[in-house]
C-alpha atoms as a PDB file:
ATOM      1  CA  UNK A   1       0.000   0.000   0.000  1.00  0.00           C
ATOM      2  CA  UNK A   2       1.342   3.408  -0.940  1.00  0.00           C
ATOM      3  CA  UNK A   3       1.803   6.064   1.720  1.00  0.00           C
ATOM      4  CA  UNK A   4      -0.639   8.486   0.097  1.00  0.00           C
ATOM      5  CA  UNK A   5      -3.396   5.868   0.061  1.00  0.00           C
ATOM      6  CA  UNK A   6      -2.704   4.924   3.676  1.00  0.00           C
ATOM      7  CA  UNK A   7      -2.756   8.522   4.905  1.00  0.00           C
ATOM      8  CA  UNK A   8      -5.815   9.439   2.846  1.00  0.00           C
ATOM      9  CA  UNK A   9      -7.659   6.351   4.093  1.00  0.00           C
ATOM     10  CA  UNK A  10      -6.892   6.938   7.761  1.00  0.00           C
ATOM     11  CA  UNK A  11      -7.510  10.697   7.645  1.00  0.00           C
ATOM     12  CA  UNK A  12     -10.908  10.619   5.950  1.00  0.00           C
ATOM     13  CA  UNK A  13     -12.065   7.679   8.061  1.00  0.00           C
ATOM     14  CA  UNK A  14     -10.848   9.426  11.207  1.00  0.00           C
ATOM     15  CA  UNK A  15     -12.626  12.651  10.220  1.00  0.00           C
ATOM     16  CA  UNK A  16     -15.893  10.884   9.396  1.00  0.00           C
ATOM     17  CA  UNK A  17     -15.884   8.798  12.559  1.00  0.00           C
ATOM     18  CA  UNK A  18     -14.814  11.781  14.672  1.00  0.00           C
ATOM     19  CA  UNK A  19     -17.643  13.875  13.251  1.00  0.00           C
ATOM     20  CA  UNK A  20     -20.159  11.106  13.884  1.00  0.00           C
ATOM     21  CA  UNK A  21     -18.990  10.368  17.418  1.00  0.00           C
ATOM     22  CA  UNK A  22     -18.570  14.063  18.216  1.00  0.00           C
ATOM     23  CA  UNK A  23     -22.103  14.848  17.114  1.00  0.00           C
ATOM     24  CA  UNK A  24     -23.840  12.069  18.998  1.00  0.00           C
ATOM     25  CA  UNK A  25     -21.473  12.043  21.960  1.00  0.00           C
ATOM     26  CA  UNK A  26     -21.638  15.808  22.384  1.00  0.00           C
ATOM     27  CA  UNK A  27     -25.409  15.816  22.141  1.00  0.00           C
ATOM     28  CA  UNK A  28     -25.810  13.023  24.670  1.00  0.00           C
ATOM     29  CA  UNK A  29     -23.317  14.505  27.103  1.00  0.00           C
ATOM     30  CA  UNK A  30     -24.866  17.968  26.774  1.00  0.00           C
ATOM     31  CA  UNK A  31     -28.358  16.662  27.479  1.00  0.00           C
ATOM     32  CA  UNK A  32     -27.172  14.655  30.476  1.00  0.00           C
ATOM     33  CA  UNK A  33     -25.056  17.519  31.800  1.00  0.00           C
ATOM     34  CA  UNK A  34     -27.904  20.042  31.556  1.00  0.00           C
ATOM     35  CA  UNK A  35     -30.290  17.713  33.349  1.00  0.00           C
ATOM     36  CA  UNK A  36     -27.641  16.892  35.935  1.00  0.00           C
ATOM     37  CA  UNK A  37     -27.346  20.593  36.756  1.00  0.00           C
ATOM     38  CA  UNK A  38     -31.148  20.819  36.892  1.00  0.00           C
ATOM     39  CA  UNK A  39     -31.354  17.838  39.258  1.00  0.00           C
ATOM     40  CA  UNK A  40     -28.638  19.328  41.474  1.00  0.00           C
ATOM     41  CA  UNK A  41     -30.589  22.601  41.619  1.00  0.00           C
ATOM     42  CA  UNK A  42     -33.777  20.714  42.475  1.00  0.00           C
ATOM     43  CA  UNK A  43     -32.045  18.974  45.365  1.00  0.00           C
ATOM     44  CA  UNK A  44     -30.946  22.350  46.702  1.00  0.00           C
ATOM     45  CA  UNK A  45     -34.534  23.621  46.483  1.00  0.00           C
ATOM     46  CA  UNK A  46     -36.258  20.450  47.688  1.00  0.00           C
ATOM     47  CA  UNK A  47     -38.058  22.213  50.524  1.00  0.00           C
ATOM     48  CA  UNK A  48     -39.740  24.645  48.083  1.00  0.00           C
ATOM     49  CA  UNK A  49     -41.002  22.047  45.573  1.00  0.00           C
ATOM     50  CA  UNK A  50     -44.448  20.439  45.776  1.00  0.00           C
ATOM     51  CA  UNK A  51     -46.307  17.801  43.769  1.00  0.00           C
ATOM     52  CA  UNK A  52     -48.005  20.543  41.777  1.00  0.00           C
ATOM     53  CA  UNK A  53     -44.645  21.408  40.234  1.00  0.00           C
ATOM     54  CA  UNK A  54     -44.232  17.969  38.600  1.00  0.00           C
ATOM     55  CA  UNK A  55     -45.688  18.852  35.138  1.00  0.00           C
ATOM     56  CA  UNK A  56     -43.541  21.977  34.937  1.00  0.00           C
ATOM     57  CA  UNK A  57     -40.537  19.916  36.027  1.00  0.00           C
ATOM     58  CA  UNK A  58     -41.113  17.378  33.250  1.00  0.00           C
ATOM     59  CA  UNK A  59     -41.343  20.152  30.662  1.00  0.00           C
ATOM     60  CA  UNK A  60     -38.175  21.713  32.079  1.00  0.00           C
ATOM     61  CA  UNK A  61     -36.330  18.382  31.856  1.00  0.00           C
ATOM     62  CA  UNK A  62     -37.317  17.926  28.204  1.00  0.00           C
ATOM     63  CA  UNK A  63     -36.470  21.531  27.365  1.00  0.00           C
ATOM     64  CA  UNK A  64     -33.089  21.298  29.076  1.00  0.00           C
ATOM     65  CA  UNK A  65     -32.375  18.021  27.304  1.00  0.00           C
ATOM     66  CA  UNK A  66     -32.994  19.736  23.960  1.00  0.00           C
ATOM     67  CA  UNK A  67     -30.921  22.802  24.813  1.00  0.00           C
ATOM     68  CA  UNK A  68     -28.173  20.641  26.318  1.00  0.00           C
ATOM     69  CA  UNK A  69     -28.093  18.443  23.220  1.00  0.00           C
ATOM     70  CA  UNK A  70     -27.728  21.459  20.935  1.00  0.00           C
ATOM     71  CA  UNK A  71     -25.010  23.048  23.072  1.00  0.00           C
ATOM     72  CA  UNK A  72     -23.269  19.673  23.434  1.00  0.00           C
ATOM     73  CA  UNK A  73     -23.315  19.264  19.669  1.00  0.00           C
ATOM     74  CA  UNK A  74     -21.794  22.750  19.303  1.00  0.00           C
ATOM     75  CA  UNK A  75     -18.843  21.437  21.306  1.00  0.00           C
ATOM     76  CA  UNK A  76     -18.820  17.893  19.892  1.00  0.00           C
ATOM     77  CA  UNK A  77     -19.048  18.567  16.148  1.00  0.00           C
ATOM     78  CA  UNK A  78     -15.977  20.780  15.680  1.00  0.00           C
ATOM     79  CA  UNK A  79     -13.993  18.892  18.298  1.00  0.00           C
ATOM     80  CA  UNK A  80     -14.868  15.495  16.821  1.00  0.00           C
ATOM     81  CA  UNK A  81     -14.025  16.603  13.297  1.00  0.00           C
ATOM     82  CA  UNK A  82     -10.698  18.245  14.151  1.00  0.00           C
ATOM     83  CA  UNK A  83      -9.607  15.508  16.553  1.00  0.00           C
ATOM     84  CA  UNK A  84     -10.717  12.850  14.055  1.00  0.00           C
ATOM     85  CA  UNK A  85      -8.536  14.351  11.316  1.00  0.00           C
ATOM     86  CA  UNK A  86      -5.566  14.659  13.657  1.00  0.00           C
ATOM     87  CA  UNK A  87      -6.069  11.152  15.030  1.00  0.00           C
ATOM     88  CA  UNK A  88      -6.369   9.721  11.513  1.00  0.00           C
ATOM     89  CA  UNK A  89      -3.136  11.428  10.534  1.00  0.00           C
ATOM     90  CA  UNK A  90      -1.389  10.152  13.667  1.00  0.00           C
ATOM     91  CA  UNK A  91      -2.620   6.608  13.056  1.00  0.00           C
ATOM     92  CA  UNK A  92      -1.494   6.773   9.425  1.00  0.00           C
ATOM     93  CA  UNK A  93       1.974   8.021  10.331  1.00  0.00           C
ATOM     94  CA  UNK A  94       2.417   5.481  13.139  1.00  0.00           C
ATOM     95  CA  UNK A  95       1.208   2.702  10.876  1.00  0.00           C
ATOM     96  CA  UNK A  96       3.652   3.645   8.121  1.00  0.00           C
ATOM     97  CA  UNK A  97       6.616   4.154  10.451  1.00  0.00           C
ATOM     98  CA  UNK A  98       6.153   1.275  12.910  1.00  0.00           C
ATOM     99  CA  UNK A  99       3.899  -1.307  11.280  1.00  0.00           C
ATOM    100  CA  UNK A 100       4.831  -1.491   7.627  1.00  0.00           C
ATOM    101  CA  UNK A 101       4.665  -4.250   6.597  1.00  0.00           C
ATOM    102  CA  UNK A 102       2.169  -5.536   9.143  1.00  0.00           C
ATOM    103  CA  UNK A 103       3.595  -8.511  11.037  1.00  0.00           C
ATOM    104  CA  UNK A 104       2.039  -8.612  14.511  1.00  0.00           C
ATOM    105  CA  UNK A 105      -1.638  -7.669  14.324  1.00  0.00           C
ATOM    106  CA  UNK A 106      -2.267  -7.866  18.060  1.00  0.00           C
ATOM    107  CA  UNK A 107       0.545  -5.431  18.922  1.00  0.00           C
ATOM    108  CA  UNK A 108      -0.602  -3.136  16.111  1.00  0.00           C
ATOM    109  CA  UNK A 109      -4.200  -3.023  17.377  1.00  0.00           C
ATOM    110  CA  UNK A 110      -3.223  -2.375  20.991  1.00  0.00           C
ATOM    111  CA  UNK A 111      -0.612   0.240  20.135  1.00  0.00           C
ATOM    112  CA  UNK A 112      -2.981   2.185  17.918  1.00  0.00           C
ATOM    113  CA  UNK A 113      -5.829   1.926  20.465  1.00  0.00           C
ATOM    114  CA  UNK A 114      -3.728   3.210  23.357  1.00  0.00           C
ATOM    115  CA  UNK A 115      -2.065   5.987  21.371  1.00  0.00           C
ATOM    116  CA  UNK A 116      -5.402   7.033  19.905  1.00  0.00           C
ATOM    117  CA  UNK A 117      -7.110   7.080  23.313  1.00  0.00           C
ATOM    118  CA  UNK A 118      -4.384   9.137  25.010  1.00  0.00           C
ATOM    119  CA  UNK A 119      -3.998  11.536  22.084  1.00  0.00           C
ATOM    120  CA  UNK A 120      -7.746  12.052  21.705  1.00  0.00           C
ATOM    121  CA  UNK A 121      -8.235  12.664  25.426  1.00  0.00           C
ATOM    122  CA  UNK A 122      -5.567  15.346  25.503  1.00  0.00           C
ATOM    123  CA  UNK A 123      -6.560  17.097  22.287  1.00  0.00           C
ATOM    124  CA  UNK A 124     -10.300  16.902  23.020  1.00  0.00           C
ATOM    125  CA  UNK A 125      -9.709  18.475  26.433  1.00  0.00           C
ATOM    126  CA  UNK A 126      -7.786  21.349  24.857  1.00  0.00           C
ATOM    127  CA  UNK A 127     -10.468  21.785  22.172  1.00  0.00           C
ATOM    128  CA  UNK A 128     -13.329  21.755  24.690  1.00  0.00           C
ATOM    129  CA  UNK A 129     -11.513  24.282  26.852  1.00  0.00           C
ATOM    130  CA  UNK A 130     -10.724  26.477  23.837  1.00  0.00           C
ATOM    131  CA  UNK A 131     -14.327  26.480  22.642  1.00  0.00           C
ATOM    132  CA  UNK A 132     -15.615  27.281  26.142  1.00  0.00           C
ATOM    133  CA  UNK A 133     -13.174  30.162  26.540  1.00  0.00           C
ATOM    134  CA  UNK A 134     -14.054  31.430  23.071  1.00  0.00           C
ATOM    135  CA  UNK A 135     -17.747  31.655  23.969  1.00  0.00           C
ATOM    136  CA  UNK A 136     -17.319  32.836  27.563  1.00  0.00           C
ATOM    137  CA  UNK A 137     -16.676  36.215  29.059  1.00  0.00           C
ATOM    138  CA  UNK A 138     -12.921  36.042  29.463  1.00  0.00           C
ATOM    139  CA  UNK A 139     -12.881  38.534  32.330  1.00  0.00           C
ATOM    140  CA  UNK A 140     -15.176  36.451  34.529  1.00  0.00           C
ATOM    141  CA  UNK A 141     -14.486  32.914  33.274  1.00  0.00           C
ATOM    142  CA  UNK A 142     -13.293  30.520  35.951  1.00  0.00           C
ATOM    143  CA  UNK A 143     -10.641  28.702  33.944  1.00  0.00           C
ATOM    144  CA  UNK A 144      -9.837  26.258  36.740  1.00  0.00           C
ATOM    145  CA  UNK A 145     -13.458  25.134  36.975  1.00  0.00           C
ATOM    146  CA  UNK A 146     -13.714  24.836  33.191  1.00  0.00           C
ATOM    147  CA  UNK A 147     -10.576  22.697  33.150  1.00  0.00           C
ATOM    148  CA  UNK A 148     -12.155  20.315  35.660  1.00  0.00           C
ATOM    149  CA  UNK A 149     -15.555  20.252  33.944  1.00  0.00           C
ATOM    150  CA  UNK A 150     -14.040  19.157  30.642  1.00  0.00           C
ATOM    151  CA  UNK A 151     -11.910  16.314  32.019  1.00  0.00           C
ATOM    152  CA  UNK A 152     -14.793  13.817  32.002  1.00  0.00           C
ATOM    153  CA  UNK A 153     -15.959  14.404  28.406  1.00  0.00           C
ATOM    154  CA  UNK A 154     -12.343  14.348  27.233  1.00  0.00           C
ATOM    155  CA  UNK A 155     -11.746  11.007  28.950  1.00  0.00           C
ATOM    156  CA  UNK A 156     -14.959   9.625  27.460  1.00  0.00           C
ATOM    157  CA  UNK A 157     -13.848  10.828  24.022  1.00  0.00           C
ATOM    158  CA  UNK A 158     -10.485   9.128  24.512  1.00  0.00           C
ATOM    159  CA  UNK A 159     -12.026   5.812  25.525  1.00  0.00           C
ATOM    160  CA  UNK A 160     -14.401   5.927  22.558  1.00  0.00           C
ATOM    161  CA  UNK A 161     -11.483   6.769  20.252  1.00  0.00           C
ATOM    162  CA  UNK A 162      -9.615   3.726  21.522  1.00  0.00           C
ATOM    163  CA  UNK A 163     -12.537   1.527  20.504  1.00  0.00           C
ATOM    164  CA  UNK A 164     -13.134   3.390  17.224  1.00  0.00           C
ATOM    165  CA  UNK A 165      -9.483   2.949  16.278  1.00  0.00           C
ATOM    166  CA  UNK A 166     -10.297  -0.735  15.794  1.00  0.00           C
ATOM    167  CA  UNK A 167     -12.201   0.235  12.647  1.00  0.00           C
ATOM    168  CA  UNK A 168      -9.140   1.956  11.233  1.00  0.00           C
ATOM    169  CA  UNK A 169      -6.815  -0.897  12.151  1.00  0.00           C
ATOM    170  CA  UNK A 170      -9.130  -3.454  10.559  1.00  0.00           C
ATOM    171  CA  UNK A 171      -9.274  -1.381   7.385  1.00  0.00           C
ATOM    172  CA  UNK A 172      -5.474  -1.365   7.207  1.00  0.00           C
ATOM    173  CA  UNK A 173      -5.291  -5.078   7.943  1.00  0.00           C
ATOM    174  CA  UNK A 174      -7.690  -5.874   5.103  1.00  0.00           C
ATOM    175  CA  UNK A 175      -6.114  -3.413   2.694  1.00  0.00           C
ATOM    176  CA  UNK A 176      -2.580  -4.608   3.374  1.00  0.00           C
ATOM    177  CA  UNK A 177      -3.586  -8.258   2.950  1.00  0.00           C
ATOM    178  CA  UNK A 178      -4.500  -7.635  -0.705  1.00  0.00           C
END
């Protein structure tokens, strides 16, 4: 397999999978995060809530899920796309440098999965933080709190990337067997 074909194959697959995972992962995390904040607020105000507030609470949960999904997608789409391209490029370069020709499939799969997971976690965290700081008021933004808030989604993105990297490694295995 020629280097150009390998790099093109890993980059476009990484971008497509990153966009897909970023969209759905960001939406799901945003919806859960928004409702988690709502639930936390409800616990703080438990003494003021009665049974009559249940219908309004259900509407608020659905509304916050929608808003959270949209805001989560605003973070997930660009992050997933950019990180997917970068991860695809990294996988392509590592494959060409360390695993050409492919001899030990098991070592190849594990190496790519671990490198992809660590790289994606770090870059996703930086991207999430950058997007949040871009949209926030820089004079009043609590950067330390934002750094902590974005650790969990970055770790989730890294774990997912480790599993998604299997698709890229299988593509290379099949393509190099021809």
